[in-house]
Amino acid sequence: MIITIQDKEFDTKEITQLYPAGVIKTGYEDETTQVSLEWLDVEAQGKVEVVGFGIFIHLGENEKHTFMFDTRDEMDEEIGRIASQLQA
């Protein structure tokens, strides 16, 4: 099955990981890291600087694609579009 994310097509047979995450500053220069949305909601309230949200796709071990969003609502809308494609 082929799914499309922001005009980029992926064969679901090749996807080894597909997940949403928050992106926060680590506190070291301009470095950022991914954190789970659950951790962001429960543990991080007011403790970290969120710089965005992303949908991350891994194709095997070497190929990775990142789709970044300014707000969680924008990311959630894209996740809804992905889910609709997977349910079709």
Protein backbone atom coordinates (compact mmCIF):
# COMPACT_ATOMS: atom_id res chain seq x y z
CA MET A 1 0.00 0.00 0.00
CA ILE A 2 1.22 3.48 -0.86
CA ILE A 3 0.60 6.37 1.53
CA THR A 4 1.27 10.03 0.88
CA ILE A 5 2.59 12.49 3.44
CA GLN A 6 2.92 16.09 2.26
CA ASP A 7 3.17 15.06 -1.41
CA LYS A 8 5.81 12.39 -0.68
CA GLU A 9 4.86 8.76 -1.32
CA PHE A 10 5.89 5.79 0.82
CA ASP A 11 5.29 2.07 0.36
CA THR A 12 4.09 0.77 3.72
CA LYS A 13 6.04 -2.45 3.12
CA GLU A 14 9.27 -0.44 3.39
CA ILE A 15 8.35 1.51 6.55
CA THR A 16 10.04 0.10 9.66
CA GLN A 17 8.94 2.94 11.97
CA LEU A 18 6.38 5.73 11.71
CA TYR A 19 5.76 7.84 14.78
CA PRO A 20 4.87 11.36 15.96
CA ALA A 21 7.02 13.16 18.51
CA GLY A 22 7.65 16.49 20.11
CA VAL A 23 10.92 18.25 19.36
CA ILE A 24 12.56 20.09 22.25
CA LYS A 25 15.78 21.99 22.89
CA THR A 26 18.34 19.95 24.84
CA GLY A 27 19.92 22.99 26.48
CA TYR A 28 23.18 22.51 24.61
CA GLU A 29 23.64 25.21 21.96
CA ASP A 30 20.97 24.77 19.25
CA GLU A 31 20.70 21.00 19.69
CA THR A 32 17.23 19.42 19.67
CA THR A 33 15.90 15.96 20.38
CA GLN A 34 12.69 14.01 19.91
CA VAL A 35 10.50 13.12 22.87
CA SER A 36 7.31 11.12 23.12
CA LEU A 37 4.07 13.05 23.14
CA GLU A 38 3.05 11.26 26.33
CA TRP A 39 6.21 12.43 28.12
CA LEU A 40 5.65 15.93 26.80
CA ASP A 41 2.06 15.95 28.11
CA VAL A 42 2.73 14.37 31.50
CA GLU A 43 6.30 15.05 32.60
CA ALA A 44 7.56 18.08 30.72
CA GLN A 45 4.91 20.69 31.47
CA GLY A 46 6.77 23.98 31.73
CA LYS A 47 10.17 22.28 32.05
CA VAL A 48 11.35 22.22 28.45
CA GLU A 49 11.31 24.46 25.39
CA VAL A 50 9.24 22.89 22.61
CA VAL A 51 10.47 23.92 19.16
CA GLY A 52 7.95 21.93 17.13
CA PHE A 53 6.32 18.62 16.41
CA GLY A 54 7.21 16.00 13.86
CA ILE A 55 6.21 12.84 12.09
CA PHE A 56 9.22 10.60 11.65
CA ILE A 57 9.48 7.74 9.15
CA HIS A 58 12.27 5.17 8.99
CA LEU A 59 12.76 3.00 5.92
CA GLY A 60 15.14 0.31 7.10
CA GLU A 61 18.14 1.38 9.17
CA ASN A 62 19.62 4.06 6.90
CA GLU A 63 16.82 6.12 5.37
CA LYS A 64 14.85 8.55 7.52
CA HIS A 65 12.28 11.22 6.64
CA THR A 66 11.09 14.00 8.92
CA PHE A 67 7.98 16.13 8.52
CA MET A 68 8.01 19.09 10.91
CA PHE A 69 5.07 21.19 12.13
CA ASP A 70 4.93 24.39 14.13
CA THR A 71 1.93 23.26 16.20
CA ARG A 72 0.59 20.01 17.53
CA ASP A 73 -2.74 20.70 15.82
CA GLU A 74 -1.02 20.84 12.41
CA MET A 75 0.74 17.54 13.14
CA ASP A 76 -2.49 15.95 14.37
CA GLU A 77 -4.25 16.95 11.14
CA GLU A 78 -1.53 15.22 9.10
CA ILE A 79 -1.74 12.14 11.33
CA GLY A 80 -5.47 12.06 10.61
CA ARG A 81 -4.77 12.11 6.86
CA ILE A 82 -2.28 9.25 7.28
CA ALA A 83 -4.77 7.24 9.33
CA SER A 84 -7.46 7.74 6.67
CA GLN A 85 -5.14 6.36 4.01
CA LEU A 86 -4.28 3.33 6.14
CA GLN A 87 -7.97 2.57 6.79
CA ALA A 88 -8.94 2.76 3.10
